[in-house]
Structure formats: C-alpha cells, structure tokens
PDB file of all heavy atoms in Angstrom:
ATOM      1  N   ARG A   1     -10.714 -18.445 -10.625  1.00  0.00           N
ATOM      2  CA  ARG A   1     -11.098 -17.026 -10.719  1.00  0.00           C
ATOM      3  C   ARG A   1     -11.048 -16.340  -9.344  1.00  0.00           C
ATOM      4  O   ARG A   1     -10.484 -15.240  -9.225  1.00  0.00           O
ATOM      5  CB  ARG A   1     -12.529 -16.885 -11.325  1.00  0.00           C
ATOM      6  CG  ARG A   1     -12.936 -15.387 -11.519  1.00  0.00           C
ATOM      7  CD  ARG A   1     -14.195 -15.256 -12.329  1.00  0.00           C
ATOM      8  NE  ARG A   1     -14.625 -13.875 -12.373  1.00  0.00           N
ATOM      9  CZ  ARG A   1     -14.233 -13.007 -13.299  1.00  0.00           C
ATOM     10  NH1 ARG A   1     -13.394 -13.351 -14.215  1.00  0.00           N
ATOM     11  NH2 ARG A   1     -14.670 -11.761 -13.219  1.00  0.00           N
ATOM     12  N   ALA A   2     -11.523 -17.040  -8.330  1.00  0.00           N
ATOM     13  CA  ALA A   2     -11.460 -16.479  -6.946  1.00  0.00           C
ATOM     14  C   ALA A   2      -9.966 -16.328  -6.534  1.00  0.00           C
ATOM     15  O   ALA A   2      -9.639 -15.309  -5.841  1.00  0.00           O
ATOM     16  CB  ALA A   2     -12.213 -17.387  -5.938  1.00  0.00           C
ATOM     17  N   GLN A   3      -9.140 -17.250  -6.902  1.00  0.00           N
ATOM     18  CA  GLN A   3      -7.672 -17.109  -6.563  1.00  0.00           C
ATOM     19  C   GLN A   3      -7.071 -15.839  -7.193  1.00  0.00           C
ATOM     20  O   GLN A   3      -6.291 -15.179  -6.573  1.00  0.00           O
ATOM     21  CB  GLN A   3      -6.918 -18.383  -6.941  1.00  0.00           C
ATOM     22  CG  GLN A   3      -7.376 -19.640  -6.163  1.00  0.00           C
ATOM     23  CD  GLN A   3      -6.560 -20.831  -6.589  1.00  0.00           C
ATOM     24  OE1 GLN A   3      -5.368 -20.786  -6.697  1.00  0.00           O
ATOM     25  NE2 GLN A   3      -7.240 -21.987  -6.771  1.00  0.00           N
ATOM     26  N   TYR A   4      -7.404 -15.681  -8.498  1.00  0.00           N
ATOM     27  CA  TYR A   4      -6.916 -14.445  -9.157  1.00  0.00           C
ATOM     28  C   TYR A   4      -7.412 -13.167  -8.515  1.00  0.00           C
ATOM     29  O   TYR A   4      -6.704 -12.197  -8.393  1.00  0.00           O
ATOM     30  CB  TYR A   4      -7.266 -14.556 -10.656  1.00  0.00           C
ATOM     31  CG  TYR A   4      -6.200 -15.210 -11.521  1.00  0.00           C
ATOM     32  CD1 TYR A   4      -6.295 -16.578 -11.852  1.00  0.00           C
ATOM     33  CD2 TYR A   4      -5.081 -14.489 -11.952  1.00  0.00           C
ATOM     34  CE1 TYR A   4      -5.307 -17.165 -12.606  1.00  0.00           C
ATOM     35  CE2 TYR A   4      -4.100 -15.101 -12.765  1.00  0.00           C
ATOM     36  CZ  TYR A   4      -4.237 -16.416 -13.073  1.00  0.00           C
ATOM     37  OH  TYR A   4      -3.303 -17.022 -13.870  1.00  0.00           O
ATOM     38  N   ILE A   5      -8.709 -13.186  -8.146  1.00  0.00           N
ATOM     39  CA  ILE A   5      -9.261 -11.963  -7.454  1.00  0.00           C
ATOM     40  C   ILE A   5      -8.488 -11.747  -6.164  1.00  0.00           C
ATOM     41  O   ILE A   5      -8.186 -10.614  -5.829  1.00  0.00           O
ATOM     42  CB  ILE A   5     -10.774 -12.171  -7.293  1.00  0.00           C
ATOM     43  CG1 ILE A   5     -11.476 -12.132  -8.564  1.00  0.00           C
ATOM     44  CG2 ILE A   5     -11.292 -11.073  -6.360  1.00  0.00           C
ATOM     45  CD1 ILE A   5     -13.021 -12.470  -8.484  1.00  0.00           C
ATOM     46  N   ARG A   6      -8.287 -12.774  -5.365  1.00  0.00           N
ATOM     47  CA  ARG A   6      -7.561 -12.684  -4.139  1.00  0.00           C
ATOM     48  C   ARG A   6      -6.181 -12.119  -4.287  1.00  0.00           C
ATOM     49  O   ARG A   6      -5.753 -11.174  -3.606  1.00  0.00           O
ATOM     50  CB  ARG A   6      -7.432 -14.084  -3.401  1.00  0.00           C
ATOM     51  CG  ARG A   6      -8.691 -14.508  -2.751  1.00  0.00           C
ATOM     52  CD  ARG A   6      -8.476 -15.913  -2.123  1.00  0.00           C
ATOM     53  NE  ARG A   6      -9.662 -16.482  -1.469  1.00  0.00           N
ATOM     54  CZ  ARG A   6      -9.638 -17.633  -0.839  1.00  0.00           C
ATOM     55  NH1 ARG A   6      -8.464 -18.297  -0.744  1.00  0.00           N
ATOM     56  NH2 ARG A   6     -10.745 -18.090  -0.287  1.00  0.00           N
ATOM     57  N   VAL A   7      -5.464 -12.635  -5.339  1.00  0.00           N
ATOM     58  CA  VAL A   7      -4.099 -12.169  -5.557  1.00  0.00           C
ATOM     59  C   VAL A   7      -4.178 -10.696  -5.958  1.00  0.00           C
ATOM     60  O   VAL A   7      -3.362  -9.911  -5.477  1.00  0.00           O
ATOM     61  CB  VAL A   7      -3.444 -13.013  -6.672  1.00  0.00           C
ATOM     62  CG1 VAL A   7      -2.156 -12.331  -7.198  1.00  0.00           C
ATOM     63  CG2 VAL A   7      -3.066 -14.406  -6.063  1.00  0.00           C
ATOM     64  N   MET A   8      -5.121 -10.357  -6.807  1.00  0.00           N
ATOM     65  CA  MET A   8      -5.253  -8.926  -7.266  1.00  0.00           C
ATOM     66  C   MET A   8      -5.449  -7.986  -6.101  1.00  0.00           C
ATOM     67  O   MET A   8      -4.812  -6.985  -5.954  1.00  0.00           O
ATOM     68  CB  MET A   8      -6.362  -8.809  -8.270  1.00  0.00           C
ATOM     69  CG  MET A   8      -6.542  -7.393  -8.836  1.00  0.00           C
ATOM     70  SD  MET A   8      -7.761  -7.281 -10.213  1.00  0.00           S
ATOM     71  CE  MET A   8      -9.241  -7.334  -9.250  1.00  0.00           C
ATOM     72  N   PHE A   9      -6.416  -8.407  -5.206  1.00  0.00           N
ATOM     73  CA  PHE A   9      -6.627  -7.542  -4.046  1.00  0.00           C
ATOM     74  C   PHE A   9      -5.578  -7.604  -3.004  1.00  0.00           C
ATOM     75  O   PHE A   9      -5.317  -6.632  -2.278  1.00  0.00           O
ATOM     76  CB  PHE A   9      -7.996  -7.854  -3.437  1.00  0.00           C
ATOM     77  CG  PHE A   9      -9.162  -7.062  -4.010  1.00  0.00           C
ATOM     78  CD1 PHE A   9      -9.840  -7.618  -5.047  1.00  0.00           C
ATOM     79  CD2 PHE A   9      -9.356  -5.794  -3.641  1.00  0.00           C
ATOM     80  CE1 PHE A   9     -10.886  -6.806  -5.660  1.00  0.00           C
ATOM     81  CE2 PHE A   9     -10.359  -5.021  -4.269  1.00  0.00           C
ATOM     82  CZ  PHE A   9     -11.127  -5.532  -5.227  1.00  0.00           C
ATOM     83  N   ASP A  10      -4.817  -8.675  -2.907  1.00  0.00           N
ATOM     84  CA  ASP A  10      -3.592  -8.717  -2.075  1.00  0.00           C
ATOM     85  C   ASP A  10      -2.601  -7.630  -2.519  1.00  0.00           C
ATOM     86  O   ASP A  10      -2.016  -6.922  -1.688  1.00  0.00           O
ATOM     87  CB  ASP A  10      -2.898 -10.030  -2.120  1.00  0.00           C
ATOM     88  CG  ASP A  10      -3.455 -11.059  -1.045  1.00  0.00           C
ATOM     89  OD1 ASP A  10      -4.561 -10.802  -0.562  1.00  0.00           O
ATOM     90  OD2 ASP A  10      -2.818 -12.047  -0.743  1.00  0.00           O
ATOM     91  N   GLU A  11      -2.422  -7.556  -3.867  1.00  0.00           N
ATOM     92  CA  GLU A  11      -1.474  -6.548  -4.375  1.00  0.00           C
ATOM     93  C   GLU A  11      -2.025  -5.111  -4.253  1.00  0.00           C
ATOM     94  O   GLU A  11      -1.232  -4.185  -4.068  1.00  0.00           O
ATOM     95  CB  GLU A  11      -1.079  -6.926  -5.824  1.00  0.00           C
ATOM     96  CG  GLU A  11      -0.404  -8.307  -5.905  1.00  0.00           C
ATOM     97  CD  GLU A  11       0.790  -8.459  -4.934  1.00  0.00           C
ATOM     98  OE1 GLU A  11       1.587  -7.513  -4.823  1.00  0.00           O
ATOM     99  OE2 GLU A  11       0.927  -9.471  -4.366  1.00  0.00           O
ATOM    100  N   ILE A  12      -3.311  -4.984  -4.487  1.00  0.00           N
ATOM    101  CA  ILE A  12      -3.978  -3.651  -4.245  1.00  0.00           C
ATOM    102  C   ILE A  12      -3.693  -3.231  -2.771  1.00  0.00           C
ATOM    103  O   ILE A  12      -3.344  -2.099  -2.504  1.00  0.00           O
ATOM    104  CB  ILE A  12      -5.436  -3.658  -4.562  1.00  0.00           C
ATOM    105  CG1 ILE A  12      -5.648  -3.650  -6.093  1.00  0.00           C
ATOM    106  CG2 ILE A  12      -6.202  -2.483  -3.891  1.00  0.00           C
ATOM    107  CD1 ILE A  12      -7.103  -3.883  -6.583  1.00  0.00           C
ATOM    108  N   THR A  13      -3.878  -4.163  -1.867  1.00  0.00           N
ATOM    109  CA  THR A  13      -3.610  -3.956  -0.419  1.00  0.00           C
ATOM    110  C   THR A  13      -2.170  -3.636  -0.184  1.00  0.00           C
ATOM    111  O   THR A  13      -1.855  -2.698   0.635  1.00  0.00           O
ATOM    112  CB  THR A  13      -4.042  -5.184   0.365  1.00  0.00           C
ATOM    113  OG1 THR A  13      -5.392  -5.512   0.120  1.00  0.00           O
ATOM    114  CG2 THR A  13      -3.887  -4.899   1.896  1.00  0.00           C
ATOM    115  N   ARG A  14      -1.187  -4.253  -0.883  1.00  0.00           N
ATOM    116  CA  ARG A  14       0.195  -3.994  -0.733  1.00  0.00           C
ATOM    117  C   ARG A  14       0.532  -2.559  -1.093  1.00  0.00           C
ATOM    118  O   ARG A  14       1.218  -1.862  -0.449  1.00  0.00           O
ATOM    119  CB  ARG A  14       1.055  -4.919  -1.564  1.00  0.00           C
ATOM    120  CG  ARG A  14       2.555  -5.013  -1.217  1.00  0.00           C
ATOM    121  CD  ARG A  14       3.305  -6.061  -2.027  1.00  0.00           C
ATOM    122  NE  ARG A  14       2.540  -7.350  -2.054  1.00  0.00           N
ATOM    123  CZ  ARG A  14       2.601  -8.263  -1.085  1.00  0.00           C
ATOM    124  NH1 ARG A  14       3.250  -8.061  -0.039  1.00  0.00           N
ATOM    125  NH2 ARG A  14       1.885  -9.383  -1.202  1.00  0.00           N
ATOM    126  N   ILE A  15      -0.128  -2.094  -2.234  1.00  0.00           N
ATOM    127  CA  ILE A  15       0.131  -0.695  -2.625  1.00  0.00           C
ATOM    128  C   ILE A  15      -0.509   0.226  -1.671  1.00  0.00           C
ATOM    129  O   ILE A  15       0.107   1.241  -1.276  1.00  0.00           O
ATOM    130  CB  ILE A  15      -0.442  -0.448  -4.079  1.00  0.00           C
ATOM    131  CG1 ILE A  15       0.312  -1.324  -5.124  1.00  0.00           C
ATOM    132  CG2 ILE A  15      -0.430   1.031  -4.415  1.00  0.00           C
ATOM    133  CD1 ILE A  15      -0.240  -1.270  -6.545  1.00  0.00           C
ATOM    134  N   LEU A  16      -1.701  -0.110  -1.148  1.00  0.00           N
ATOM    135  CA  LEU A  16      -2.382   0.702  -0.137  1.00  0.00           C
ATOM    136  C   LEU A  16      -1.476   0.894   1.126  1.00  0.00           C
ATOM    137  O   LEU A  16      -1.321   1.971   1.608  1.00  0.00           O
ATOM    138  CB  LEU A  16      -3.701   0.088   0.309  1.00  0.00           C
ATOM    139  CG  LEU A  16      -4.922   0.396  -0.481  1.00  0.00           C
ATOM    140  CD1 LEU A  16      -6.126  -0.496  -0.045  1.00  0.00           C
ATOM    141  CD2 LEU A  16      -5.406   1.880  -0.340  1.00  0.00           C
ATOM    142  N   ASN A  17      -0.868  -0.221   1.543  1.00  0.00           N
ATOM    143  CA  ASN A  17      -0.061  -0.226   2.750  1.00  0.00           C
ATOM    144  C   ASN A  17       1.175   0.676   2.500  1.00  0.00           C
ATOM    145  O   ASN A  17       1.529   1.500   3.308  1.00  0.00           O
ATOM    146  CB  ASN A  17       0.385  -1.674   3.068  1.00  0.00           C
ATOM    147  CG  ASN A  17       1.231  -1.723   4.309  1.00  0.00           C
ATOM    148  OD1 ASN A  17       0.722  -2.006   5.393  1.00  0.00           O
ATOM    149  ND2 ASN A  17       2.510  -1.518   4.246  1.00  0.00           N
ATOM    150  N   HIS A  18       1.857   0.402   1.332  1.00  0.00           N
ATOM    151  CA  HIS A  18       3.151   1.131   1.080  1.00  0.00           C
ATOM    152  C   HIS A  18       2.831   2.602   0.842  1.00  0.00           C
ATOM    153  O   HIS A  18       3.716   3.487   1.159  1.00  0.00           O
ATOM    154  CB  HIS A  18       3.813   0.477  -0.128  1.00  0.00           C
ATOM    155  CG  HIS A  18       4.428  -0.838   0.179  1.00  0.00           C
ATOM    156  ND1 HIS A  18       4.490  -1.317   1.453  1.00  0.00           N
ATOM    157  CD2 HIS A  18       5.070  -1.756  -0.614  1.00  0.00           C
ATOM    158  CE1 HIS A  18       5.101  -2.521   1.398  1.00  0.00           C
ATOM    159  NE2 HIS A  18       5.479  -2.764   0.194  1.00  0.00           N
ATOM    160  N   LEU A  19       1.741   2.979   0.253  1.00  0.00           N
ATOM    161  CA  LEU A  19       1.337   4.348   0.136  1.00  0.00           C
ATOM    162  C   LEU A  19       1.132   5.047   1.510  1.00  0.00           C
ATOM    163  O   LEU A  19       1.618   6.183   1.724  1.00  0.00           O
ATOM    164  CB  LEU A  19       0.081   4.553  -0.739  1.00  0.00           C
ATOM    165  CG  LEU A  19       0.253   4.377  -2.267  1.00  0.00           C
ATOM    166  CD1 LEU A  19      -1.121   4.436  -2.934  1.00  0.00           C
ATOM    167  CD2 LEU A  19       1.221   5.385  -2.892  1.00  0.00           C
ATOM    168  N   MET A  20       0.474   4.311   2.361  1.00  0.00           N
ATOM    169  CA  MET A  20       0.286   4.873   3.705  1.00  0.00           C
ATOM    170  C   MET A  20       1.676   5.021   4.402  1.00  0.00           C
ATOM    171  O   MET A  20       1.944   6.054   5.064  1.00  0.00           O
ATOM    172  CB  MET A  20      -0.552   3.804   4.533  1.00  0.00           C
ATOM    173  CG  MET A  20      -0.753   4.141   5.985  1.00  0.00           C
ATOM    174  SD  MET A  20      -2.001   5.397   6.175  1.00  0.00           S
ATOM    175  CE  MET A  20      -1.730   5.905   7.806  1.00  0.00           C
ATOM    176  N   TRP A  21       2.527   3.992   4.226  1.00  0.00           N
ATOM    177  CA  TRP A  21       3.828   4.070   4.800  1.00  0.00           C
ATOM    178  C   TRP A  21       4.638   5.217   4.300  1.00  0.00           C
ATOM    179  O   TRP A  21       5.229   5.960   5.056  1.00  0.00           O
ATOM    180  CB  TRP A  21       4.616   2.718   4.523  1.00  0.00           C
ATOM    181  CG  TRP A  21       6.041   2.836   4.941  1.00  0.00           C
ATOM    182  CD1 TRP A  21       6.515   2.706   6.172  1.00  0.00           C
ATOM    183  CD2 TRP A  21       7.110   3.163   4.057  1.00  0.00           C
ATOM    184  NE1 TRP A  21       7.928   2.933   6.133  1.00  0.00           N
ATOM    185  CE2 TRP A  21       8.275   3.205   4.870  1.00  0.00           C
ATOM    186  CE3 TRP A  21       7.252   3.368   2.694  1.00  0.00           C
ATOM    187  CZ2 TRP A  21       9.532   3.481   4.350  1.00  0.00           C
ATOM    188  CZ3 TRP A  21       8.472   3.724   2.165  1.00  0.00           C
ATOM    189  CH2 TRP A  21       9.634   3.704   2.995  1.00  0.00           C
ATOM    190  N   LEU A  22       4.681   5.416   2.959  1.00  0.00           N
ATOM    191  CA  LEU A  22       5.461   6.441   2.359  1.00  0.00           C
ATOM    192  C   LEU A  22       5.025   7.771   2.751  1.00  0.00           C
ATOM    193  O   LEU A  22       5.792   8.708   3.048  1.00  0.00           O
ATOM    194  CB  LEU A  22       5.447   6.285   0.856  1.00  0.00           C
ATOM    195  CG  LEU A  22       6.354   7.141  -0.008  1.00  0.00           C
ATOM    196  CD1 LEU A  22       7.822   6.950   0.374  1.00  0.00           C
ATOM    197  CD2 LEU A  22       6.196   6.911  -1.487  1.00  0.00           C
ATOM    198  N   GLY A  23       3.676   8.000   2.812  1.00  0.00           N
ATOM    199  CA  GLY A  23       3.086   9.278   3.222  1.00  0.00           C
ATOM    200  C   GLY A  23       3.414   9.621   4.660  1.00  0.00           C
ATOM    201  O   GLY A  23       3.955  10.690   5.014  1.00  0.00           O
ATOM    202  N   ALA A  24       3.288   8.626   5.569  1.00  0.00           N
ATOM    203  CA  ALA A  24       3.480   8.794   6.991  1.00  0.00           C
ATOM    204  C   ALA A  24       4.955   8.990   7.265  1.00  0.00           C
ATOM    205  O   ALA A  24       5.394   9.863   8.084  1.00  0.00           O
ATOM    206  CB  ALA A  24       2.889   7.695   7.804  1.00  0.00           C
ATOM    207  N   HIS A  25       5.757   8.057   6.653  1.00  0.00           N
ATOM    208  CA  HIS A  25       7.243   8.152   6.889  1.00  0.00           C
ATOM    209  C   HIS A  25       7.797   9.470   6.324  1.00  0.00           C
ATOM    210  O   HIS A  25       8.622  10.116   7.009  1.00  0.00           O
ATOM    211  CB  HIS A  25       7.868   7.001   6.129  1.00  0.00           C
ATOM    212  CG  HIS A  25       9.348   6.820   6.410  1.00  0.00           C
ATOM    213  ND1 HIS A  25       9.874   6.916   7.619  1.00  0.00           N
ATOM    214  CD2 HIS A  25      10.392   6.409   5.587  1.00  0.00           C
ATOM    215  CE1 HIS A  25      11.205   6.713   7.572  1.00  0.00           C
ATOM    216  NE2 HIS A  25      11.530   6.390   6.331  1.00  0.00           N
ATOM    217  N   GLY A  26       7.337   9.905   5.172  1.00  0.00           N
ATOM    218  CA  GLY A  26       7.707  11.183   4.633  1.00  0.00           C
ATOM    219  C   GLY A  26       7.400  12.345   5.574  1.00  0.00           C
ATOM    220  O   GLY A  26       8.249  13.167   5.857  1.00  0.00           O
ATOM    221  N   LEU A  27       6.179  12.349   6.107  1.00  0.00           N
ATOM    222  CA  LEU A  27       5.735  13.334   7.092  1.00  0.00           C
ATOM    223  C   LEU A  27       6.621  13.360   8.280  1.00  0.00           C
ATOM    224  O   LEU A  27       7.009  14.406   8.755  1.00  0.00           O
ATOM    225  CB  LEU A  27       4.298  13.066   7.479  1.00  0.00           C
ATOM    226  CG  LEU A  27       3.402  14.189   8.026  1.00  0.00           C
ATOM    227  CD1 LEU A  27       3.295  15.326   7.022  1.00  0.00           C
ATOM    228  CD2 LEU A  27       2.072  13.658   8.377  1.00  0.00           C
ATOM    229  N   ASP A  28       6.978  12.123   8.786  1.00  0.00           N
ATOM    230  CA  ASP A  28       7.830  12.033  10.003  1.00  0.00           C
ATOM    231  C   ASP A  28       9.232  12.673   9.826  1.00  0.00           C
ATOM    232  O   ASP A  28       9.672  13.284  10.714  1.00  0.00           O
ATOM    233  CB  ASP A  28       8.020  10.541  10.374  1.00  0.00           C
ATOM    234  CG  ASP A  28       6.754   9.935  11.005  1.00  0.00           C
ATOM    235  OD1 ASP A  28       5.884  10.686  11.451  1.00  0.00           O
ATOM    236  OD2 ASP A  28       6.707   8.680  11.082  1.00  0.00           O
ATOM    237  N   VAL A  29       9.785  12.488   8.665  1.00  0.00           N
ATOM    238  CA  VAL A  29      11.136  12.927   8.491  1.00  0.00           C
ATOM    239  C   VAL A  29      11.229  14.245   7.718  1.00  0.00           C
ATOM    240  O   VAL A  29      12.315  14.647   7.258  1.00  0.00           O
ATOM    241  CB  VAL A  29      12.108  11.842   7.911  1.00  0.00           C
ATOM    242  CG1 VAL A  29      12.242  10.713   8.781  1.00  0.00           C
ATOM    243  CG2 VAL A  29      11.661  11.387   6.618  1.00  0.00           C
ATOM    244  N   GLY A  30      10.100  14.887   7.441  1.00  0.00           N
ATOM    245  CA  GLY A  30      10.086  16.247   6.933  1.00  0.00           C
ATOM    246  C   GLY A  30       9.696  16.463   5.473  1.00  0.00           C
ATOM    247  O   GLY A  30       9.599  17.547   5.022  1.00  0.00           O
ATOM    248  N   ALA A  31       9.327  15.377   4.808  1.00  0.00           N
ATOM    249  CA  ALA A  31       8.864  15.517   3.413  1.00  0.00           C
ATOM    250  C   ALA A  31       7.380  15.652   3.419  1.00  0.00           C
ATOM    251  O   ALA A  31       6.553  14.749   3.180  1.00  0.00           O
ATOM    252  CB  ALA A  31       9.306  14.285   2.542  1.00  0.00           C
ATOM    253  N   MET A  32       6.896  16.874   3.682  1.00  0.00           N
ATOM    254  CA  MET A  32       5.489  17.098   3.962  1.00  0.00           C
ATOM    255  C   MET A  32       4.518  16.771   2.825  1.00  0.00           C
ATOM    256  O   MET A  32       3.437  16.208   3.038  1.00  0.00           O
ATOM    257  CB  MET A  32       5.258  18.563   4.334  1.00  0.00           C
ATOM    258  CG  MET A  32       6.126  19.023   5.537  1.00  0.00           C
ATOM    259  SD  MET A  32       5.706  18.096   6.995  1.00  0.00           S
ATOM    260  CE  MET A  32       5.685  19.231   8.249  1.00  0.00           C
TER     261      MET A  32
END
C-alpha cells in the first residue's frame, strides 16, 4: 500500500513539475 501511495504521489509530483514548466516556459516565449 505504501508503494502504491509513493507511486501515486510521484506522478502527482510529475504533473506539478510539468505544469510549472509549461506555465513558466509559456511565459518566457510569449504565451502569457
């Protein structure tokens, strides 16, 4: 159960990271 929770939060973190990236990258190149 702990392994499944870890994997779930790893993927939540992946989405968090990519959302941060997409927002900041968009801002950098003009997609405000």
